[in-house]
Amino acid sequence: MDTLHHEITPKLLDSLYVEAMVLADEARSYFDRDHANGFSSPEISVAFSCESLKVTTRLMHSIAWLLNQKAIRAGEISRRDSFNDERELGYSPASDGFQVQRFPEEAQALVVASEDLYFRLQRISEKMRSMTAPVPEPLAMIERLRASF
């Protein structure tokens, strides 16, 4: 079996993808409603808007990474092409715990769930990268020669 896929089975990949899509739909539905008027201060309202963007960013990076993994598994992306920065799990800033605890419970749950999913994918991605054997120097040299022509 290809070492790239050691940690992520098709069943796990499908499960994570469904989880990400459901969570994205829940977040979109929740954050599309106008909650900003219900906060006691403009500071909390602005923090709420920032956190909704962080949740969306985390989920979109997660979905993109999972789709890349599906494409790699399906042979649509070669193993060699899968090792570039564009295919990595994108950066997502952490939530501000102090502000988040001031939000309604449903918003808090969405923030925590998006962070949980993102951090799980981050651990899987790091594990997969660490399990990938380095390309032997003679093969790397051949690849560099091919790329130059």
N, C-alpha and C. Protein backbone atom coordinates (compact mmCIF):
# COMPACT_ATOMS: atom_id res chain seq x y z
N MET A 1 0.84 -1.19 0.00
CA MET A 1 0.00 0.00 0.00
C MET A 1 0.88 1.24 0.00
N ASP A 2 0.49 2.24 -0.70
CA ASP A 2 1.19 3.51 -0.79
C ASP A 2 1.27 4.16 0.59
N THR A 3 2.46 4.56 1.02
CA THR A 3 2.60 5.15 2.36
C THR A 3 1.81 6.43 2.51
N LEU A 4 1.51 7.10 1.42
CA LEU A 4 0.73 8.33 1.48
C LEU A 4 -0.66 8.07 2.05
N HIS A 5 -1.19 6.87 1.84
CA HIS A 5 -2.56 6.58 2.25
C HIS A 5 -2.65 5.71 3.50
N HIS A 6 -1.55 5.49 4.15
CA HIS A 6 -1.53 4.65 5.34
C HIS A 6 -2.50 5.11 6.40
N GLU A 7 -2.55 6.40 6.66
CA GLU A 7 -3.32 6.92 7.76
C GLU A 7 -4.77 7.23 7.41
N ILE A 8 -5.09 7.34 6.15
CA ILE A 8 -6.43 7.78 5.81
C ILE A 8 -7.07 6.77 4.86
N THR A 9 -7.93 5.96 5.41
CA THR A 9 -8.62 4.94 4.63
C THR A 9 -9.77 5.60 3.87
N PRO A 10 -10.28 4.93 2.84
CA PRO A 10 -11.42 5.50 2.11
C PRO A 10 -12.62 5.77 3.03
N LYS A 11 -12.87 4.86 3.95
CA LYS A 11 -14.00 5.04 4.88
C LYS A 11 -13.79 6.26 5.77
N LEU A 12 -12.59 6.43 6.29
CA LEU A 12 -12.28 7.59 7.13
C LEU A 12 -12.38 8.87 6.30
N LEU A 13 -11.83 8.85 5.11
CA LEU A 13 -11.87 10.01 4.23
C LEU A 13 -13.31 10.42 3.94
N ASP A 14 -14.16 9.46 3.60
CA ASP A 14 -15.57 9.76 3.33
C ASP A 14 -16.27 10.30 4.57
N SER A 15 -15.99 9.71 5.71
CA SER A 15 -16.60 10.15 6.97
C SER A 15 -16.20 11.59 7.31
N LEU A 16 -14.92 11.90 7.16
CA LEU A 16 -14.45 13.26 7.44
C LEU A 16 -15.04 14.26 6.45
N TYR A 17 -15.16 13.85 5.19
CA TYR A 17 -15.73 14.73 4.18
C TYR A 17 -17.20 15.04 4.49
N VAL A 18 -17.96 14.02 4.84
CA VAL A 18 -19.37 14.23 5.20
C VAL A 18 -19.47 15.13 6.42
N GLU A 19 -18.63 14.88 7.41
CA GLU A 19 -18.63 15.71 8.62
C GLU A 19 -18.34 17.17 8.27
N ALA A 20 -17.36 17.40 7.42
CA ALA A 20 -17.00 18.77 7.03
C ALA A 20 -18.14 19.45 6.26
N MET A 21 -18.77 18.72 5.36
CA MET A 21 -19.86 19.31 4.58
C MET A 21 -21.08 19.62 5.44
N VAL A 22 -21.42 18.72 6.35
CA VAL A 22 -22.54 18.96 7.25
C VAL A 22 -22.24 20.17 8.14
N LEU A 23 -21.04 20.21 8.68
CA LEU A 23 -20.65 21.33 9.53
C LEU A 23 -20.65 22.64 8.76
N ALA A 24 -20.18 22.63 7.52
CA ALA A 24 -20.19 23.84 6.69
C ALA A 24 -21.62 24.30 6.44
N ASP A 25 -22.53 23.36 6.20
CA ASP A 25 -23.93 23.72 5.99
C ASP A 25 -24.54 24.31 7.26
N GLU A 26 -24.25 23.70 8.40
CA GLU A 26 -24.76 24.21 9.68
C GLU A 26 -24.20 25.61 9.96
N ALA A 27 -22.92 25.79 9.71
CA ALA A 27 -22.30 27.10 9.95
C ALA A 27 -22.89 28.16 9.03
N ARG A 28 -23.05 27.81 7.75
CA ARG A 28 -23.62 28.77 6.80
C ARG A 28 -25.02 29.16 7.24
N SER A 29 -25.82 28.17 7.60
CA SER A 29 -27.19 28.43 8.04
C SER A 29 -27.20 29.32 9.30
N TYR A 30 -26.34 29.00 10.24
CA TYR A 30 -26.32 29.77 11.49
C TYR A 30 -25.80 31.19 11.27
N PHE A 31 -24.69 31.33 10.59
CA PHE A 31 -24.08 32.66 10.45
C PHE A 31 -24.79 33.53 9.42
N ASP A 32 -25.62 32.94 8.58
CA ASP A 32 -26.42 33.75 7.64
C ASP A 32 -27.51 34.53 8.37
N ARG A 33 -27.94 34.00 9.50
CA ARG A 33 -28.94 34.74 10.29
C ARG A 33 -28.28 35.96 10.91
N ASP A 34 -29.04 37.00 11.14
CA ASP A 34 -28.51 38.26 11.67
C ASP A 34 -28.45 38.20 13.20
N HIS A 35 -27.29 37.78 13.71
CA HIS A 35 -27.10 37.70 15.16
C HIS A 35 -26.48 38.97 15.73
N ALA A 36 -25.89 39.79 14.88
CA ALA A 36 -25.14 40.95 15.35
C ALA A 36 -26.00 41.92 16.15
N ASN A 37 -27.27 42.03 15.81
CA ASN A 37 -28.14 42.96 16.53
C ASN A 37 -28.46 42.50 17.95
N GLY A 38 -28.25 41.24 18.25
CA GLY A 38 -28.59 40.71 19.56
C GLY A 38 -27.49 40.86 20.60
N PHE A 39 -26.34 41.39 20.23
CA PHE A 39 -25.24 41.50 21.19
C PHE A 39 -25.30 42.82 21.94
N SER A 40 -24.81 42.78 23.17
CA SER A 40 -24.89 43.94 24.04
C SER A 40 -23.85 45.02 23.72
N SER A 41 -22.81 44.68 22.99
CA SER A 41 -21.80 45.69 22.67
C SER A 41 -21.28 45.51 21.24
N PRO A 42 -20.82 46.61 20.66
CA PRO A 42 -20.24 46.50 19.32
C PRO A 42 -19.00 45.61 19.30
N GLU A 43 -18.25 45.57 20.41
CA GLU A 43 -17.06 44.74 20.50
C GLU A 43 -17.41 43.26 20.29
N ILE A 44 -18.47 42.81 20.94
CA ILE A 44 -18.87 41.41 20.81
C ILE A 44 -19.40 41.15 19.40
N SER A 45 -20.10 42.12 18.86
CA SER A 45 -20.63 41.98 17.50
C SER A 45 -19.50 41.83 16.48
N VAL A 46 -18.45 42.63 16.61
CA VAL A 46 -17.30 42.56 15.70
C VAL A 46 -16.57 41.23 15.91
N ALA A 47 -16.38 40.83 17.16
CA ALA A 47 -15.72 39.56 17.46
C ALA A 47 -16.51 38.40 16.86
N PHE A 48 -17.83 38.48 16.93
CA PHE A 48 -18.69 37.44 16.36
C PHE A 48 -18.48 37.35 14.86
N SER A 49 -18.42 38.49 14.19
CA SER A 49 -18.19 38.50 12.74
C SER A 49 -16.83 37.90 12.40
N CYS A 50 -15.81 38.26 13.18
CA CYS A 50 -14.46 37.72 12.95
C CYS A 50 -14.44 36.21 13.14
N GLU A 51 -15.09 35.73 14.18
CA GLU A 51 -15.11 34.29 14.45
C GLU A 51 -15.89 33.54 13.38
N SER A 52 -16.93 34.15 12.84
CA SER A 52 -17.67 33.46 11.78
C SER A 52 -16.78 33.31 10.55
N LEU A 53 -15.93 34.29 10.28
CA LEU A 53 -14.99 34.17 9.17
C LEU A 53 -13.93 33.10 9.44
N LYS A 54 -13.48 33.01 10.68
CA LYS A 54 -12.50 31.98 11.04
C LYS A 54 -13.09 30.58 10.87
N VAL A 55 -14.33 30.41 11.29
CA VAL A 55 -15.00 29.12 11.14
C VAL A 55 -15.10 28.77 9.66
N THR A 56 -15.54 29.73 8.87
CA THR A 56 -15.68 29.50 7.43
C THR A 56 -14.34 29.16 6.79
N THR A 57 -13.29 29.88 7.17
CA THR A 57 -11.95 29.61 6.63
C THR A 57 -11.49 28.21 6.99
N ARG A 58 -11.64 27.83 8.26
CA ARG A 58 -11.25 26.49 8.69
C ARG A 58 -11.97 25.42 7.90
N LEU A 59 -13.26 25.61 7.73
CA LEU A 59 -14.05 24.60 7.03
C LEU A 59 -13.71 24.53 5.55
N MET A 60 -13.49 25.66 4.91
CA MET A 60 -13.15 25.64 3.49
C MET A 60 -11.77 25.02 3.26
N HIS A 61 -10.81 25.31 4.14
CA HIS A 61 -9.50 24.67 4.03
C HIS A 61 -9.63 23.16 4.25
N SER A 62 -10.45 22.78 5.21
CA SER A 62 -10.65 21.35 5.49
C SER A 62 -11.27 20.64 4.30
N ILE A 63 -12.31 21.24 3.73
CA ILE A 63 -12.98 20.62 2.58
C ILE A 63 -12.04 20.53 1.39
N ALA A 64 -11.28 21.59 1.14
CA ALA A 64 -10.33 21.57 0.01
C ALA A 64 -9.30 20.47 0.20
N TRP A 65 -8.77 20.33 1.42
CA TRP A 65 -7.78 19.29 1.69
C TRP A 65 -8.38 17.90 1.49
N LEU A 66 -9.59 17.72 1.99
CA LEU A 66 -10.25 16.42 1.85
C LEU A 66 -10.53 16.10 0.38
N LEU A 67 -10.94 17.09 -0.40
CA LEU A 67 -11.15 16.87 -1.83
C LEU A 67 -9.84 16.51 -2.53
N ASN A 68 -8.75 17.15 -2.13
CA ASN A 68 -7.44 16.78 -2.68
C ASN A 68 -7.10 15.33 -2.35
N GLN A 69 -7.37 14.92 -1.13
CA GLN A 69 -7.09 13.53 -0.73
C GLN A 69 -7.93 12.56 -1.54
N LYS A 70 -9.19 12.92 -1.79
CA LYS A 70 -10.04 12.07 -2.63
C LYS A 70 -9.48 11.98 -4.05
N ALA A 71 -9.01 13.10 -4.58
CA ALA A 71 -8.45 13.11 -5.94
C ALA A 71 -7.17 12.29 -6.02
N ILE A 72 -6.34 12.37 -4.99
CA ILE A 72 -5.11 11.58 -4.94
C ILE A 72 -5.46 10.09 -4.91
N ARG A 73 -6.39 9.74 -4.06
CA ARG A 73 -6.81 8.34 -3.93
C ARG A 73 -7.41 7.82 -5.23
N ALA A 74 -8.13 8.68 -5.95
CA ALA A 74 -8.77 8.27 -7.22
C ALA A 74 -7.78 8.28 -8.39
N GLY A 75 -6.55 8.73 -8.14
CA GLY A 75 -5.55 8.77 -9.20
C GLY A 75 -5.66 10.00 -10.10
N GLU A 76 -6.47 10.96 -9.72
CA GLU A 76 -6.63 12.19 -10.50
C GLU A 76 -5.45 13.14 -10.29
N ILE A 77 -4.77 12.98 -9.16
CA ILE A 77 -3.57 13.75 -8.84
C ILE A 77 -2.49 12.73 -8.54
N SER A 78 -1.32 12.89 -9.17
CA SER A 78 -0.25 11.93 -8.93
C SER A 78 0.33 12.14 -7.54
N ARG A 79 0.94 11.09 -7.04
CA ARG A 79 1.57 11.17 -5.73
C ARG A 79 2.62 12.27 -5.71
N ARG A 80 3.41 12.35 -6.80
CA ARG A 80 4.45 13.37 -6.87
C ARG A 80 3.85 14.78 -6.83
N ASP A 81 2.76 14.98 -7.56
CA ASP A 81 2.11 16.29 -7.59
C ASP A 81 1.41 16.62 -6.28
N SER A 82 1.16 15.62 -5.47
CA SER A 82 0.45 15.87 -4.22
C SER A 82 1.34 16.52 -3.17
N PHE A 83 2.66 16.50 -3.40
CA PHE A 83 3.59 17.07 -2.43
C PHE A 83 3.93 18.51 -2.76
N ASN A 84 2.95 19.35 -2.88
CA ASN A 84 3.26 20.77 -3.03
C ASN A 84 2.42 21.58 -2.05
N ASP A 85 2.86 22.79 -1.80
CA ASP A 85 2.21 23.62 -0.79
C ASP A 85 0.75 23.92 -1.09
N GLU A 86 0.39 23.95 -2.37
CA GLU A 86 -0.99 24.24 -2.74
C GLU A 86 -1.94 23.13 -2.30
N ARG A 87 -1.43 21.94 -2.10
CA ARG A 87 -2.27 20.81 -1.74
C ARG A 87 -2.27 20.54 -0.23
N GLU A 88 -1.53 21.34 0.51
CA GLU A 88 -1.49 21.19 1.97
C GLU A 88 -2.74 21.79 2.60
N LEU A 89 -2.99 21.42 3.82
CA LEU A 89 -4.08 22.01 4.59
C LEU A 89 -3.73 23.46 4.86
N GLY A 90 -4.54 24.39 4.39
CA GLY A 90 -4.25 25.82 4.52
C GLY A 90 -4.23 26.29 5.96
N TYR A 91 -3.58 27.42 6.18
CA TYR A 91 -3.48 28.00 7.52
C TYR A 91 -4.83 28.58 7.94
N SER A 92 -5.15 28.40 9.18
CA SER A 92 -6.36 28.97 9.75
C SER A 92 -6.05 29.51 11.14
N PRO A 93 -6.34 30.79 11.37
CA PRO A 93 -6.04 31.36 12.70
C PRO A 93 -6.93 30.75 13.78
N ALA A 94 -6.37 30.66 14.96
CA ALA A 94 -7.10 30.12 16.11
C ALA A 94 -8.18 31.10 16.55
N SER A 95 -9.19 30.57 17.18
CA SER A 95 -10.26 31.40 17.70
C SER A 95 -9.84 32.05 19.01
N ASP A 96 -10.48 33.14 19.33
CA ASP A 96 -10.23 33.86 20.57
C ASP A 96 -11.18 33.31 21.64
N GLY A 97 -10.65 32.43 22.47
CA GLY A 97 -11.46 31.76 23.48
C GLY A 97 -12.23 32.69 24.38
N PHE A 98 -11.63 33.82 24.75
CA PHE A 98 -12.30 34.79 25.62
C PHE A 98 -13.56 35.32 24.94
N GLN A 99 -13.43 35.68 23.67
CA GLN A 99 -14.59 36.22 22.95
C GLN A 99 -15.63 35.13 22.68
N VAL A 100 -15.16 33.97 22.30
CA VAL A 100 -16.08 32.88 21.93
C VAL A 100 -16.99 32.52 23.10
N GLN A 101 -16.47 32.52 24.30
CA GLN A 101 -17.30 32.15 25.45
C GLN A 101 -18.41 33.17 25.73
N ARG A 102 -18.35 34.31 25.07
CA ARG A 102 -19.38 35.35 25.22
C ARG A 102 -20.50 35.19 24.18
N PHE A 103 -20.36 34.24 23.27
CA PHE A 103 -21.33 34.02 22.20
C PHE A 103 -22.42 33.06 22.67
N PRO A 104 -23.51 33.00 21.92
CA PRO A 104 -24.55 32.00 22.22
C PRO A 104 -23.97 30.57 22.11
N GLU A 105 -24.60 29.63 22.79
CA GLU A 105 -24.10 28.26 22.82
C GLU A 105 -23.96 27.64 21.43
N GLU A 106 -24.90 27.91 20.54
CA GLU A 106 -24.83 27.33 19.20
C GLU A 106 -23.60 27.82 18.45
N ALA A 107 -23.27 29.10 18.60
CA ALA A 107 -22.07 29.66 17.96
C ALA A 107 -20.83 29.03 18.57
N GLN A 108 -20.80 28.90 19.88
CA GLN A 108 -19.65 28.27 20.55
C GLN A 108 -19.45 26.84 20.04
N ALA A 109 -20.54 26.11 19.90
CA ALA A 109 -20.46 24.72 19.44
C ALA A 109 -19.90 24.65 18.02
N LEU A 110 -20.29 25.57 17.15
CA LEU A 110 -19.78 25.59 15.78
C LEU A 110 -18.29 25.91 15.74
N VAL A 111 -17.87 26.86 16.56
CA VAL A 111 -16.45 27.22 16.63
C VAL A 111 -15.64 26.01 17.09
N VAL A 112 -16.07 25.38 18.16
CA VAL A 112 -15.35 24.23 18.72
C VAL A 112 -15.33 23.07 17.72
N ALA A 113 -16.45 22.80 17.07
CA ALA A 113 -16.52 21.69 16.11
C ALA A 113 -15.61 21.95 14.91
N SER A 114 -15.56 23.20 14.43
CA SER A 114 -14.70 23.51 13.28
C SER A 114 -13.23 23.39 13.67
N GLU A 115 -12.89 23.83 14.88
CA GLU A 115 -11.51 23.68 15.35
C GLU A 115 -11.14 22.22 15.51
N ASP A 116 -12.03 21.45 16.07
CA ASP A 116 -11.78 20.02 16.29
C ASP A 116 -11.51 19.32 14.96
N LEU A 117 -12.36 19.55 13.98
CA LEU A 117 -12.17 18.93 12.66
C LEU A 117 -10.85 19.37 12.04
N TYR A 118 -10.60 20.67 12.07
CA TYR A 118 -9.37 21.21 11.47
C TYR A 118 -8.13 20.62 12.13
N PHE A 119 -8.10 20.55 13.45
CA PHE A 119 -6.93 20.03 14.16
C PHE A 119 -6.75 18.53 13.92
N ARG A 120 -7.84 17.80 13.78
CA ARG A 120 -7.72 16.37 13.44
C ARG A 120 -7.09 16.21 12.06
N LEU A 121 -7.57 17.00 11.10
CA LEU A 121 -7.00 16.93 9.75
C LEU A 121 -5.54 17.36 9.74
N GLN A 122 -5.22 18.34 10.56
CA GLN A 122 -3.83 18.80 10.66
C GLN A 122 -2.94 17.67 11.17
N ARG A 123 -3.40 16.95 12.19
CA ARG A 123 -2.61 15.83 12.72
C ARG A 123 -2.46 14.73 11.68
N ILE A 124 -3.53 14.41 10.97
CA ILE A 124 -3.47 13.38 9.93
C ILE A 124 -2.49 13.80 8.84
N SER A 125 -2.59 15.05 8.40
CA SER A 125 -1.72 15.56 7.35
C SER A 125 -0.25 15.49 7.76
N GLU A 126 0.03 15.91 8.99
CA GLU A 126 1.42 15.87 9.48
C GLU A 126 1.91 14.43 9.57
N LYS A 127 1.08 13.53 10.01
CA LYS A 127 1.45 12.12 10.11
C LYS A 127 1.73 11.54 8.72
N MET A 128 0.88 11.88 7.75
CA MET A 128 1.07 11.40 6.39
C MET A 128 2.38 11.93 5.81
N ARG A 129 2.68 13.18 6.05
CA ARG A 129 3.94 13.76 5.54
C ARG A 129 5.14 13.09 6.20
N SER A 130 5.05 12.81 7.49
CA SER A 130 6.19 12.21 8.19
C SER A 130 6.40 10.76 7.77
N MET A 131 5.35 10.10 7.28
CA MET A 131 5.45 8.70 6.89
C MET A 131 5.98 8.54 5.47
N THR A 132 6.00 9.60 4.73
CA THR A 132 6.45 9.54 3.34
C THR A 132 7.97 9.49 3.31
N ALA A 133 8.47 8.46 2.71
CA ALA A 133 9.92 8.29 2.63
C ALA A 133 10.51 9.32 1.68
N PRO A 134 11.69 9.85 2.02
CA PRO A 134 12.33 10.80 1.12
C PRO A 134 12.75 10.12 -0.18
N VAL A 135 12.74 10.88 -1.24
CA VAL A 135 13.14 10.35 -2.55
C VAL A 135 14.65 10.17 -2.53
N PRO A 136 15.16 8.99 -2.90
CA PRO A 136 16.61 8.79 -2.96
C PRO A 136 17.24 9.81 -3.92
N GLU A 137 18.44 10.23 -3.60
CA GLU A 137 19.11 11.28 -4.37
C GLU A 137 19.24 10.96 -5.86
N PRO A 138 19.59 9.73 -6.25
CA PRO A 138 19.66 9.45 -7.69
C PRO A 138 18.32 9.69 -8.41
N LEU A 139 17.21 9.30 -7.77
CA LEU A 139 15.90 9.53 -8.38
C LEU A 139 15.57 11.02 -8.40
N ALA A 140 15.92 11.73 -7.36
CA ALA A 140 15.68 13.18 -7.32
C ALA A 140 16.46 13.86 -8.43
N MET A 141 17.71 13.41 -8.68
CA MET A 141 18.53 13.99 -9.73
C MET A 141 17.91 13.73 -11.10
N ILE A 142 17.40 12.53 -11.30
CA ILE A 142 16.75 12.20 -12.57
C ILE A 142 15.52 13.09 -12.78
N GLU A 143 14.74 13.30 -11.71
CA GLU A 143 13.56 14.16 -11.81
C GLU A 143 13.95 15.59 -12.15
N ARG A 144 15.03 16.09 -11.53
CA ARG A 144 15.50 17.46 -11.84
C ARG A 144 15.95 17.55 -13.29
N LEU A 145 16.63 16.51 -13.79
CA LEU A 145 17.06 16.51 -15.19
C LEU A 145 15.85 16.50 -16.14
N ARG A 146 14.86 15.67 -15.83
CA ARG A 146 13.64 15.63 -16.66
C ARG A 146 12.94 16.98 -16.67
N ALA A 147 12.86 17.59 -15.52
CA ALA A 147 12.16 18.89 -15.41
C ALA A 147 12.88 19.99 -16.17
N SER A 148 14.19 19.87 -16.35
CA SER A 148 14.93 20.92 -17.04
C SER A 148 14.81 20.82 -18.56
N PHE A 149 14.27 19.72 -19.06
CA PHE A 149 14.14 19.57 -20.53
C PHE A 149 12.72 19.70 -20.96
